[in-house]
Amino acid sequence: MVKYFVFTDFDGTLSLTDTGAKVIDVCFGYENRKAFDKLILDKVRTYTDCVAEMWDSVNLSWEEAKELIKDAEIDPYFNEFQKHCKEHNIPIAILSSGLIKLIHEVLHKYLSDEELNKIQIFANDHTIGPDGHWKIIYKDDSELGHDKGKSIEEVKSKDPELKIIFIGDGISDISASKHADYLFAKEGRTLQRWCEQENIPYHPYTTFEDIWKVLETIV
Protein backbone atom coordinates (compact mmCIF):
# COMPACT_ATOMS: atom_id res chain seq x y z
CA MET A 1 0.00 0.00 0.00
CA VAL A 2 1.33 3.43 -0.98
CA LYS A 3 1.94 5.80 1.93
CA TYR A 4 1.72 9.57 1.51
CA PHE A 5 3.01 12.47 3.56
CA VAL A 6 1.88 16.10 3.19
CA PHE A 7 4.34 18.94 3.76
CA THR A 8 3.03 22.49 3.57
CA ASP A 9 4.55 25.93 3.84
CA PHE A 10 2.92 28.23 6.40
CA ASP A 11 3.04 31.99 5.68
CA GLY A 12 1.18 32.74 2.46
CA THR A 13 0.16 29.11 2.05
CA LEU A 14 -1.60 27.61 5.07
CA SER A 15 -1.81 31.04 6.69
CA LEU A 16 -3.24 33.84 4.59
CA THR A 17 -1.30 36.32 6.75
CA ASP A 18 2.50 36.58 6.67
CA THR A 19 3.02 36.52 10.42
CA GLY A 20 6.70 37.45 10.29
CA ALA A 21 6.13 40.42 8.00
CA LYS A 22 3.28 41.60 10.23
CA VAL A 23 5.60 41.80 13.24
CA ILE A 24 8.70 43.06 11.42
CA ASP A 25 6.88 45.86 9.59
CA VAL A 26 5.84 47.51 12.87
CA CYS A 27 9.46 47.94 13.98
CA PHE A 28 11.51 47.80 10.79
CA GLY A 29 9.01 49.31 8.38
CA TYR A 30 7.34 47.95 5.26
CA GLU A 31 9.50 49.96 2.85
CA ASN A 32 12.71 48.91 4.60
CA ARG A 33 11.65 45.26 4.49
CA LYS A 34 10.94 45.52 0.77
CA ALA A 35 14.34 47.18 0.25
CA PHE A 36 15.99 44.27 2.06
CA ASP A 37 14.01 41.80 -0.07
CA LYS A 38 15.54 43.44 -3.13
CA LEU A 39 19.05 43.20 -1.64
CA ILE A 40 18.46 39.48 -1.21
CA LEU A 41 17.10 38.98 -4.73
CA ASP A 42 19.97 41.01 -6.22
CA LYS A 43 22.42 38.92 -4.15
CA VAL A 44 23.91 42.05 -2.59
CA ARG A 45 23.46 40.53 0.87
CA THR A 46 22.67 37.03 2.10
CA TYR A 47 19.17 35.98 3.06
CA THR A 48 20.16 34.99 6.60
CA ASP A 49 22.01 38.25 7.28
CA CYS A 50 19.12 40.39 6.07
CA VAL A 51 16.45 38.42 7.89
CA ALA A 52 18.49 38.38 11.11
CA GLU A 53 18.83 42.17 10.95
CA MET A 54 15.11 42.58 10.36
CA TRP A 55 14.28 40.45 13.39
CA ASP A 56 16.90 42.27 15.47
CA SER A 57 14.89 45.46 14.88
CA VAL A 58 11.85 43.98 16.62
CA ASN A 59 11.50 45.43 20.10
CA LEU A 60 8.17 44.06 21.28
CA SER A 61 6.94 41.95 24.16
CA TRP A 62 5.41 38.59 23.27
CA GLU A 63 2.00 39.95 24.26
CA GLU A 64 2.43 42.87 21.84
CA ALA A 65 3.40 40.48 19.04
CA LYS A 66 0.37 38.28 19.76
CA GLU A 67 -1.86 41.34 19.46
CA LEU A 68 -0.44 42.08 16.00
CA ILE A 69 -1.33 38.64 14.64
CA LYS A 70 -4.60 38.11 16.50
CA ASP A 71 -6.59 38.56 13.26
CA ALA A 72 -4.39 36.25 11.18
CA GLU A 73 -6.47 33.86 9.10
CA ILE A 74 -5.70 30.44 7.70
CA ASP A 75 -6.90 28.97 4.41
CA PRO A 76 -10.67 28.52 4.84
CA TYR A 77 -10.50 24.93 3.57
CA PHE A 78 -7.53 23.75 5.64
CA ASN A 79 -9.63 22.23 8.44
CA GLU A 80 -11.57 20.19 5.91
CA PHE A 81 -8.33 19.24 4.15
CA GLN A 82 -6.87 18.05 7.44
CA LYS A 83 -9.93 15.88 8.10
CA HIS A 84 -9.62 14.27 4.67
CA CYS A 85 -5.95 13.53 5.34
CA LYS A 86 -6.80 11.98 8.69
CA GLU A 87 -9.40 9.73 7.07
CA HIS A 88 -6.74 8.52 4.62
CA ASN A 89 -4.00 8.19 7.27
CA ILE A 90 -1.89 10.91 5.64
CA PRO A 91 0.31 12.82 8.12
CA ILE A 92 0.78 16.58 7.75
CA ALA A 93 3.89 18.60 8.58
CA ILE A 94 4.54 22.34 8.32
CA LEU A 95 7.81 23.59 6.83
CA SER A 96 8.40 27.26 7.56
CA SER A 97 11.04 29.96 7.33
CA GLY A 98 9.08 31.79 10.01
CA LEU A 99 9.02 31.47 13.79
CA ILE A 100 7.49 28.44 15.46
CA LYS A 101 5.84 30.40 18.28
CA LEU A 102 4.01 32.65 15.82
CA ILE A 103 2.82 29.58 13.92
CA HIS A 104 1.49 27.96 17.10
CA GLU A 105 -0.23 31.19 18.09
CA VAL A 106 -2.19 31.32 14.83
CA LEU A 107 -3.04 27.62 14.65
CA HIS A 108 -4.33 27.47 18.23
CA LYS A 109 -7.25 29.66 17.11
CA TYR A 110 -8.34 27.21 14.44
CA LEU A 111 -7.29 23.73 15.57
CA SER A 112 -7.91 21.75 18.72
CA ASP A 113 -4.92 20.70 20.82
CA GLU A 114 -5.42 17.15 19.58
CA GLU A 115 -5.38 18.27 15.93
CA LEU A 116 -2.38 20.54 16.44
CA ASN A 117 -0.39 17.86 18.25
CA LYS A 118 -0.67 15.64 15.19
CA ILE A 119 1.03 18.23 12.97
CA GLN A 120 4.82 18.25 13.03
CA ILE A 121 6.30 21.74 12.64
CA PHE A 122 9.77 22.43 11.23
CA ALA A 123 10.57 26.13 11.68
CA ASN A 124 12.95 28.68 13.11
CA ASP A 125 12.85 29.75 16.74
CA HIS A 126 13.62 33.02 18.51
CA THR A 127 14.62 34.54 21.81
CA ILE A 128 13.81 37.93 23.32
CA GLY A 129 16.80 39.56 25.02
CA PRO A 130 16.84 41.63 28.22
CA ASP A 131 16.66 44.76 26.05
CA GLY A 132 13.45 43.49 24.44
CA HIS A 133 15.00 42.87 21.02
CA TRP A 134 14.27 39.64 19.18
CA LYS A 135 16.90 37.28 17.83
CA ILE A 136 16.07 34.63 15.26
CA ILE A 137 17.47 31.14 15.85
CA TYR A 138 17.78 29.46 12.47
CA LYS A 139 16.85 25.81 12.19
CA ASP A 140 20.05 24.97 10.31
CA ASP A 141 23.13 26.59 8.79
CA SER A 142 21.87 26.58 5.20
CA GLU A 143 21.76 29.73 3.09
CA LEU A 144 18.06 30.16 3.90
CA GLY A 145 18.35 29.34 7.60
CA HIS A 146 15.95 26.43 7.11
CA ASP A 147 16.51 24.09 4.19
CA LYS A 148 13.02 22.66 3.78
CA GLY A 149 14.35 19.97 1.48
CA LYS A 150 16.54 18.65 4.31
CA SER A 151 13.54 18.51 6.63
CA ILE A 152 11.74 16.35 4.07
CA GLU A 153 14.82 14.13 3.77
CA GLU A 154 14.84 13.78 7.56
CA VAL A 155 11.30 12.38 7.52
CA LYS A 156 11.78 10.26 4.41
CA SER A 157 14.97 8.67 5.79
CA LYS A 158 12.72 6.82 8.25
CA ASP A 159 10.48 5.53 5.45
CA PRO A 160 12.08 5.77 1.97
CA GLU A 161 8.90 4.53 0.29
CA LEU A 162 6.88 7.60 1.29
CA LYS A 163 5.27 9.58 -1.50
CA ILE A 164 5.81 13.28 -0.80
CA ILE A 165 3.11 15.90 -1.36
CA PHE A 166 4.42 19.46 -1.06
CA ILE A 167 2.37 22.66 -0.98
CA GLY A 168 4.04 26.06 -1.23
CA ASP A 169 4.16 29.52 -2.72
CA GLY A 170 7.56 31.20 -2.45
CA ILE A 171 11.33 31.22 -2.92
CA SER A 172 12.03 29.32 0.29
CA ASP A 173 9.87 26.46 -1.01
CA ILE A 174 12.06 25.68 -4.01
CA SER A 175 14.38 23.27 -2.19
CA ALA A 176 11.41 21.34 -0.82
CA SER A 177 9.69 21.20 -4.20
CA LYS A 178 12.62 19.22 -5.59
CA HIS A 179 11.73 16.36 -3.23
CA ALA A 180 8.03 16.29 -4.08
CA ASP A 181 6.28 13.48 -5.91
CA TYR A 182 3.24 15.76 -6.12
CA LEU A 183 3.91 19.50 -6.13
CA PHE A 184 1.29 22.19 -5.56
CA ALA A 185 2.28 25.81 -6.30
CA LYS A 186 0.00 28.72 -5.43
CA GLU A 187 -1.39 30.64 -8.38
CA GLY A 188 0.47 33.84 -9.23
CA ARG A 189 3.28 33.38 -6.70
CA THR A 190 7.05 32.97 -7.00
CA LEU A 191 7.05 29.17 -6.77
CA GLN A 192 4.65 28.87 -9.68
CA ARG A 193 6.80 31.21 -11.78
CA TRP A 194 9.89 29.15 -10.93
CA CYS A 195 8.10 25.93 -11.94
CA GLU A 196 7.12 27.47 -15.27
CA GLN A 197 10.63 28.80 -15.86
CA GLU A 198 12.32 25.49 -15.02
CA ASN A 199 9.65 23.30 -16.67
CA ILE A 200 8.87 21.59 -13.36
CA PRO A 201 5.56 19.68 -13.32
CA TYR A 202 3.15 21.06 -10.72
CA HIS A 203 -0.50 21.50 -9.84
CA PRO A 204 -1.67 25.13 -9.47
CA TYR A 205 -4.01 25.92 -6.59
CA THR A 206 -5.80 28.82 -4.97
CA THR A 207 -7.12 27.13 -1.82
CA PHE A 208 -6.67 23.80 -0.05
CA GLU A 209 -9.99 22.75 -1.56
CA ASP A 210 -8.30 22.75 -4.99
CA ILE A 211 -5.49 20.61 -3.58
CA TRP A 212 -7.80 17.96 -2.17
CA LYS A 213 -9.74 17.72 -5.44
CA VAL A 214 -6.49 16.56 -7.04
CA LEU A 215 -5.34 14.37 -4.16
CA GLU A 216 -8.60 12.47 -3.85
CA THR A 217 -8.01 11.12 -7.36
CA ILE A 218 -4.56 9.90 -6.29
CA VAL A 219 -4.87 8.55 -2.75
C-alpha atoms as a PDB file:
ATOM      1  CA  MET A   1       0.000   0.000   0.000  1.00  0.00           C
ATOM      2  CA  VAL A   2       1.334   3.428  -0.985  1.00  0.00           C
ATOM      3  CA  LYS A   3       1.943   5.799   1.931  1.00  0.00           C
ATOM      4  CA  TYR A   4       1.720   9.567   1.507  1.00  0.00           C
ATOM      5  CA  PHE A   5       3.005  12.475   3.565  1.00  0.00           C
ATOM      6  CA  VAL A   6       1.884  16.102   3.186  1.00  0.00           C
ATOM      7  CA  PHE A   7       4.341  18.943   3.764  1.00  0.00           C
ATOM      8  CA  THR A   8       3.032  22.490   3.573  1.00  0.00           C
ATOM      9  CA  ASP A   9       4.552  25.933   3.841  1.00  0.00           C
ATOM     10  CA  PHE A  10       2.921  28.230   6.398  1.00  0.00           C
ATOM     11  CA  ASP A  11       3.044  31.987   5.682  1.00  0.00           C
ATOM     12  CA  GLY A  12       1.179  32.740   2.464  1.00  0.00           C
ATOM     13  CA  THR A  13       0.155  29.110   2.048  1.00  0.00           C
ATOM     14  CA  LEU A  14      -1.597  27.606   5.066  1.00  0.00           C
ATOM     15  CA  SER A  15      -1.809  31.040   6.693  1.00  0.00           C
ATOM     16  CA  LEU A  16      -3.235  33.844   4.588  1.00  0.00           C
ATOM     17  CA  THR A  17      -1.297  36.316   6.754  1.00  0.00           C
ATOM     18  CA  ASP A  18       2.499  36.578   6.673  1.00  0.00           C
ATOM     19  CA  THR A  19       3.018  36.524  10.423  1.00  0.00           C
ATOM     20  CA  GLY A  20       6.704  37.448  10.286  1.00  0.00           C
ATOM     21  CA  ALA A  21       6.128  40.424   8.003  1.00  0.00           C
ATOM     22  CA  LYS A  22       3.284  41.603  10.227  1.00  0.00           C
ATOM     23  CA  VAL A  23       5.604  41.797  13.238  1.00  0.00           C
ATOM     24  CA  ILE A  24       8.701  43.056  11.423  1.00  0.00           C
ATOM     25  CA  ASP A  25       6.875  45.858   9.595  1.00  0.00           C
ATOM     26  CA  VAL A  26       5.844  47.506  12.866  1.00  0.00           C
ATOM     27  CA  CYS A  27       9.455  47.944  13.981  1.00  0.00           C
ATOM     28  CA  PHE A  28      11.511  47.795  10.792  1.00  0.00           C
ATOM     29  CA  GLY A  29       9.006  49.310   8.377  1.00  0.00           C
ATOM     30  CA  TYR A  30       7.342  47.950   5.259  1.00  0.00           C
ATOM     31  CA  GLU A  31       9.505  49.956   2.847  1.00  0.00           C
ATOM     32  CA  ASN A  32      12.712  48.910   4.603  1.00  0.00           C
ATOM     33  CA  ARG A  33      11.646  45.257   4.486  1.00  0.00           C
ATOM     34  CA  LYS A  34      10.938  45.518   0.768  1.00  0.00           C
ATOM     35  CA  ALA A  35      14.344  47.177   0.245  1.00  0.00           C
ATOM     36  CA  PHE A  36      15.993  44.267   2.056  1.00  0.00           C
ATOM     37  CA  ASP A  37      14.011  41.799  -0.065  1.00  0.00           C
ATOM     38  CA  LYS A  38      15.544  43.441  -3.134  1.00  0.00           C
ATOM     39  CA  LEU A  39      19.050  43.203  -1.639  1.00  0.00           C
ATOM     40  CA  ILE A  40      18.464  39.475  -1.214  1.00  0.00           C
ATOM     41  CA  LEU A  41      17.097  38.980  -4.730  1.00  0.00           C
ATOM     42  CA  ASP A  42      19.968  41.011  -6.219  1.00  0.00           C
ATOM     43  CA  LYS A  43      22.425  38.922  -4.147  1.00  0.00           C
ATOM     44  CA  VAL A  44      23.909  42.054  -2.588  1.00  0.00           C
ATOM     45  CA  ARG A  45      23.459  40.528   0.870  1.00  0.00           C
ATOM     46  CA  THR A  46      22.673  37.034   2.098  1.00  0.00           C
ATOM     47  CA  TYR A  47      19.174  35.982   3.059  1.00  0.00           C
ATOM     48  CA  THR A  48      20.163  34.986   6.595  1.00  0.00           C
ATOM     49  CA  ASP A  49      22.009  38.252   7.283  1.00  0.00           C
ATOM     50  CA  CYS A  50      19.116  40.393   6.073  1.00  0.00           C
ATOM     51  CA  VAL A  51      16.448  38.418   7.894  1.00  0.00           C
ATOM     52  CA  ALA A  52      18.488  38.380  11.114  1.00  0.00           C
ATOM     53  CA  GLU A  53      18.834  42.168  10.946  1.00  0.00           C
ATOM     54  CA  MET A  54      15.113  42.585  10.362  1.00  0.00           C
ATOM     55  CA  TRP A  55      14.276  40.447  13.389  1.00  0.00           C
ATOM     56  CA  ASP A  56      16.897  42.270  15.469  1.00  0.00           C
ATOM     57  CA  SER A  57      14.886  45.460  14.882  1.00  0.00           C
ATOM     58  CA  VAL A  58      11.849  43.983  16.616  1.00  0.00           C
ATOM     59  CA  ASN A  59      11.498  45.428  20.104  1.00  0.00           C
ATOM     60  CA  LEU A  60       8.171  44.065  21.280  1.00  0.00           C
ATOM     61  CA  SER A  61       6.945  41.947  24.156  1.00  0.00           C
ATOM     62  CA  TRP A  62       5.414  38.593  23.272  1.00  0.00           C
ATOM     63  CA  GLU A  63       2.001  39.954  24.259  1.00  0.00           C
ATOM     64  CA  GLU A  64       2.431  42.869  21.839  1.00  0.00           C
ATOM     65  CA  ALA A  65       3.396  40.477  19.042  1.00  0.00           C
ATOM     66  CA  LYS A  66       0.372  38.280  19.758  1.00  0.00           C
ATOM     67  CA  GLU A  67      -1.856  41.338  19.464  1.00  0.00           C
ATOM     68  CA  LEU A  68      -0.437  42.080  16.001  1.00  0.00           C
ATOM     69  CA  ILE A  69      -1.332  38.644  14.639  1.00  0.00           C
ATOM     70  CA  LYS A  70      -4.605  38.109  16.497  1.00  0.00           C
ATOM     71  CA  ASP A  71      -6.590  38.561  13.264  1.00  0.00           C
ATOM     72  CA  ALA A  72      -4.388  36.246  11.183  1.00  0.00           C
ATOM     73  CA  GLU A  73      -6.467  33.855   9.096  1.00  0.00           C
ATOM     74  CA  ILE A  74      -5.704  30.436   7.697  1.00  0.00           C
ATOM     75  CA  ASP A  75      -6.896  28.970   4.412  1.00  0.00           C
ATOM     76  CA  PRO A  76     -10.673  28.517   4.839  1.00  0.00           C
ATOM     77  CA  TYR A  77     -10.498  24.929   3.570  1.00  0.00           C
ATOM     78  CA  PHE A  78      -7.528  23.750   5.643  1.00  0.00           C
ATOM     79  CA  ASN A  79      -9.627  22.228   8.444  1.00  0.00           C
ATOM     80  CA  GLU A  80     -11.572  20.188   5.909  1.00  0.00           C
ATOM     81  CA  PHE A  81      -8.333  19.244   4.151  1.00  0.00           C
ATOM     82  CA  GLN A  82      -6.874  18.046   7.436  1.00  0.00           C
ATOM     83  CA  LYS A  83      -9.933  15.877   8.103  1.00  0.00           C
ATOM     84  CA  HIS A  84      -9.621  14.269   4.671  1.00  0.00           C
ATOM     85  CA  CYS A  85      -5.948  13.534   5.336  1.00  0.00           C
ATOM     86  CA  LYS A  86      -6.800  11.981   8.695  1.00  0.00           C
ATOM     87  CA  GLU A  87      -9.403   9.729   7.067  1.00  0.00           C
ATOM     88  CA  HIS A  88      -6.744   8.525   4.625  1.00  0.00           C
ATOM     89  CA  ASN A  89      -3.998   8.190   7.274  1.00  0.00           C
ATOM     90  CA  ILE A  90      -1.890  10.906   5.637  1.00  0.00           C
ATOM     91  CA  PRO A  91       0.312  12.820   8.116  1.00  0.00           C
ATOM     92  CA  ILE A  92       0.781  16.579   7.745  1.00  0.00           C
ATOM     93  CA  ALA A  93       3.895  18.603   8.581  1.00  0.00           C
ATOM     94  CA  ILE A  94       4.538  22.337   8.324  1.00  0.00           C
ATOM     95  CA  LEU A  95       7.807  23.587   6.832  1.00  0.00           C
ATOM     96  CA  SER A  96       8.397  27.261   7.556  1.00  0.00           C
ATOM     97  CA  SER A  97      11.043  29.956   7.330  1.00  0.00           C
ATOM     98  CA  GLY A  98       9.082  31.787  10.009  1.00  0.00           C
ATOM     99  CA  LEU A  99       9.016  31.474  13.790  1.00  0.00           C
ATOM    100  CA  ILE A 100       7.492  28.436  15.456  1.00  0.00           C
ATOM    101  CA  LYS A 101       5.839  30.398  18.284  1.00  0.00           C
ATOM    102  CA  LEU A 102       4.011  32.655  15.820  1.00  0.00           C
ATOM    103  CA  ILE A 103       2.818  29.578  13.922  1.00  0.00           C
ATOM    104  CA  HIS A 104       1.488  27.960  17.103  1.00  0.00           C
ATOM    105  CA  GLU A 105      -0.227  31.191  18.092  1.00  0.00           C
ATOM    106  CA  VAL A 106      -2.186  31.319  14.825  1.00  0.00           C
ATOM    107  CA  LEU A 107      -3.039  27.621  14.653  1.00  0.00           C
ATOM    108  CA  HIS A 108      -4.327  27.474  18.234  1.00  0.00           C
ATOM    109  CA  LYS A 109      -7.250  29.658  17.106  1.00  0.00           C
ATOM    110  CA  TYR A 110      -8.343  27.212  14.442  1.00  0.00           C
ATOM    111  CA  LEU A 111      -7.294  23.730  15.572  1.00  0.00           C
ATOM    112  CA  SER A 112      -7.906  21.748  18.723  1.00  0.00           C
ATOM    113  CA  ASP A 113      -4.922  20.697  20.825  1.00  0.00           C
ATOM    114  CA  GLU A 114      -5.425  17.147  19.575  1.00  0.00           C
ATOM    115  CA  GLU A 115      -5.381  18.268  15.933  1.00  0.00           C
ATOM    116  CA  LEU A 116      -2.382  20.541  16.437  1.00  0.00           C
ATOM    117  CA  ASN A 117      -0.392  17.861  18.250  1.00  0.00           C
ATOM    118  CA  LYS A 118      -0.669  15.643  15.190  1.00  0.00           C
ATOM    119  CA  ILE A 119       1.029  18.231  12.969  1.00  0.00           C
ATOM    120  CA  GLN A 120       4.816  18.246  13.030  1.00  0.00           C
ATOM    121  CA  ILE A 121       6.305  21.737  12.640  1.00  0.00           C
ATOM    122  CA  PHE A 122       9.772  22.426  11.235  1.00  0.00           C
ATOM    123  CA  ALA A 123      10.566  26.130  11.676  1.00  0.00           C
ATOM    124  CA  ASN A 124      12.953  28.679  13.111  1.00  0.00           C
ATOM    125  CA  ASP A 125      12.854  29.753  16.737  1.00  0.00           C
ATOM    126  CA  HIS A 126      13.622  33.024  18.511  1.00  0.00           C
ATOM    127  CA  THR A 127      14.621  34.545  21.814  1.00  0.00           C
ATOM    128  CA  ILE A 128      13.806  37.933  23.324  1.00  0.00           C
ATOM    129  CA  GLY A 129      16.797  39.561  25.015  1.00  0.00           C
ATOM    130  CA  PRO A 130      16.842  41.627  28.225  1.00  0.00           C
ATOM    131  CA  ASP A 131      16.659  44.756  26.052  1.00  0.00           C
ATOM    132  CA  GLY A 132      13.455  43.486  24.436  1.00  0.00           C
ATOM    133  CA  HIS A 133      14.995  42.867  21.019  1.00  0.00           C
ATOM    134  CA  TRP A 134      14.269  39.640  19.176  1.00  0.00           C
ATOM    135  CA  LYS A 135      16.902  37.282  17.830  1.00  0.00           C
ATOM    136  CA  ILE A 136      16.067  34.626  15.260  1.00  0.00           C
ATOM    137  CA  ILE A 137      17.474  31.143  15.849  1.00  0.00           C
ATOM    138  CA  TYR A 138      17.780  29.459  12.471  1.00  0.00           C
ATOM    139  CA  LYS A 139      16.851  25.810  12.193  1.00  0.00           C
ATOM    140  CA  ASP A 140      20.054  24.975  10.307  1.00  0.00           C
ATOM    141  CA  ASP A 141      23.134  26.586   8.792  1.00  0.00           C
ATOM    142  CA  SER A 142      21.865  26.577   5.199  1.00  0.00           C
ATOM    143  CA  GLU A 143      21.758  29.734   3.092  1.00  0.00           C
ATOM    144  CA  LEU A 144      18.057  30.163   3.901  1.00  0.00           C
ATOM    145  CA  GLY A 145      18.348  29.335   7.604  1.00  0.00           C
ATOM    146  CA  HIS A 146      15.951  26.427   7.111  1.00  0.00           C
ATOM    147  CA  ASP A 147      16.510  24.088   4.194  1.00  0.00           C
ATOM    148  CA  LYS A 148      13.024  22.664   3.782  1.00  0.00           C
ATOM    149  CA  GLY A 149      14.354  19.966   1.485  1.00  0.00           C
ATOM    150  CA  LYS A 150      16.538  18.654   4.314  1.00  0.00           C
ATOM    151  CA  SER A 151      13.539  18.510   6.629  1.00  0.00           C
ATOM    152  CA  ILE A 152      11.737  16.351   4.067  1.00  0.00           C
ATOM    153  CA  GLU A 153      14.819  14.131   3.775  1.00  0.00           C
ATOM    154  CA  GLU A 154      14.840  13.776   7.560  1.00  0.00           C
ATOM    155  CA  VAL A 155      11.298  12.378   7.525  1.00  0.00           C
ATOM    156  CA  LYS A 156      11.777  10.261   4.414  1.00  0.00           C
ATOM    157  CA  SER A 157      14.966   8.666   5.788  1.00  0.00           C
ATOM    158  CA  LYS A 158      12.718   6.819   8.255  1.00  0.00           C
ATOM    159  CA  ASP A 159      10.482   5.535   5.453  1.00  0.00           C
ATOM    160  CA  PRO A 160      12.085   5.774   1.972  1.00  0.00           C
ATOM    161  CA  GLU A 161       8.899   4.534   0.285  1.00  0.00           C
ATOM    162  CA  LEU A 162       6.879   7.599   1.289  1.00  0.00           C
ATOM    163  CA  LYS A 163       5.274   9.585  -1.504  1.00  0.00           C
ATOM    164  CA  ILE A 164       5.808  13.275  -0.799  1.00  0.00           C
ATOM    165  CA  ILE A 165       3.111  15.903  -1.361  1.00  0.00           C
ATOM    166  CA  PHE A 166       4.419  19.458  -1.059  1.00  0.00           C
ATOM    167  CA  ILE A 167       2.366  22.662  -0.978  1.00  0.00           C
ATOM    168  CA  GLY A 168       4.044  26.059  -1.226  1.00  0.00           C
ATOM    169  CA  ASP A 169       4.157  29.516  -2.718  1.00  0.00           C
ATOM    170  CA  GLY A 170       7.564  31.200  -2.447  1.00  0.00           C
ATOM    171  CA  ILE A 171      11.329  31.218  -2.919  1.00  0.00           C
ATOM    172  CA  SER A 172      12.032  29.317   0.290  1.00  0.00           C
ATOM    173  CA  ASP A 173       9.866  26.459  -1.012  1.00  0.00           C
ATOM    174  CA  ILE A 174      12.055  25.681  -4.014  1.00  0.00           C
ATOM    175  CA  SER A 175      14.382  23.274  -2.195  1.00  0.00           C
ATOM    176  CA  ALA A 176      11.405  21.336  -0.821  1.00  0.00           C
ATOM    177  CA  SER A 177       9.688  21.198  -4.200  1.00  0.00           C
ATOM    178  CA  LYS A 178      12.621  19.223  -5.594  1.00  0.00           C
ATOM    179  CA  HIS A 179      11.727  16.362  -3.234  1.00  0.00           C
ATOM    180  CA  ALA A 180       8.025  16.293  -4.082  1.00  0.00           C
ATOM    181  CA  ASP A 181       6.284  13.481  -5.912  1.00  0.00           C
ATOM    182  CA  TYR A 182       3.241  15.758  -6.118  1.00  0.00           C
ATOM    183  CA  LEU A 183       3.910  19.496  -6.125  1.00  0.00           C
ATOM    184  CA  PHE A 184       1.286  22.193  -5.561  1.00  0.00           C
ATOM    185  CA  ALA A 185       2.276  25.807  -6.303  1.00  0.00           C
ATOM    186  CA  LYS A 186       0.002  28.716  -5.428  1.00  0.00           C
ATOM    187  CA  GLU A 187      -1.393  30.638  -8.385  1.00  0.00           C
ATOM    188  CA  GLY A 188       0.467  33.844  -9.226  1.00  0.00           C
ATOM    189  CA  ARG A 189       3.277  33.384  -6.701  1.00  0.00           C
ATOM    190  CA  THR A 190       7.046  32.973  -7.004  1.00  0.00           C
ATOM    191  CA  LEU A 191       7.055  29.168  -6.765  1.00  0.00           C
ATOM    192  CA  GLN A 192       4.652  28.868  -9.685  1.00  0.00           C
ATOM    193  CA  ARG A 193       6.796  31.208 -11.780  1.00  0.00           C
ATOM    194  CA  TRP A 194       9.887  29.147 -10.928  1.00  0.00           C
ATOM    195  CA  CYS A 195       8.102  25.928 -11.938  1.00  0.00           C
ATOM    196  CA  GLU A 196       7.122  27.473 -15.267  1.00  0.00           C
ATOM    197  CA  GLN A 197      10.633  28.801 -15.858  1.00  0.00           C
ATOM    198  CA  GLU A 198      12.316  25.487 -15.018  1.00  0.00           C
ATOM    199  CA  ASN A 199       9.655  23.303 -16.668  1.00  0.00           C
ATOM    200  CA  ILE A 200       8.873  21.591 -13.355  1.00  0.00           C
ATOM    201  CA  PRO A 201       5.562  19.680 -13.323  1.00  0.00           C
ATOM    202  CA  TYR A 202       3.151  21.063 -10.721  1.00  0.00           C
ATOM    203  CA  HIS A 203      -0.496  21.496  -9.838  1.00  0.00           C
ATOM    204  CA  PRO A 204      -1.667  25.127  -9.471  1.00  0.00           C
ATOM    205  CA  TYR A 205      -4.005  25.919  -6.590  1.00  0.00           C
ATOM    206  CA  THR A 206      -5.798  28.819  -4.971  1.00  0.00           C
ATOM    207  CA  THR A 207      -7.117  27.127  -1.820  1.00  0.00           C
ATOM    208  CA  PHE A 208      -6.668  23.798  -0.046  1.00  0.00           C
ATOM    209  CA  GLU A 209      -9.994  22.751  -1.559  1.00  0.00           C
ATOM    210  CA  ASP A 210      -8.295  22.746  -4.988  1.00  0.00           C
ATOM    211  CA  ILE A 211      -5.489  20.607  -3.583  1.00  0.00           C
ATOM    212  CA  TRP A 212      -7.795  17.962  -2.168  1.00  0.00           C
ATOM    213  CA  LYS A 213      -9.739  17.719  -5.436  1.00  0.00           C
ATOM    214  CA  VAL A 214      -6.490  16.562  -7.042  1.00  0.00           C
ATOM    215  CA  LEU A 215      -5.335  14.368  -4.161  1.00  0.00           C
ATOM    216  CA  GLU A 216      -8.605  12.469  -3.853  1.00  0.00           C
ATOM    217  CA  THR A 217      -8.005  11.124  -7.364  1.00  0.00           C
ATOM    218  CA  ILE A 218      -4.556   9.900  -6.288  1.00  0.00           C
ATOM    219  CA  VAL A 219      -4.874   8.553  -2.755  1.00  0.00           C
END
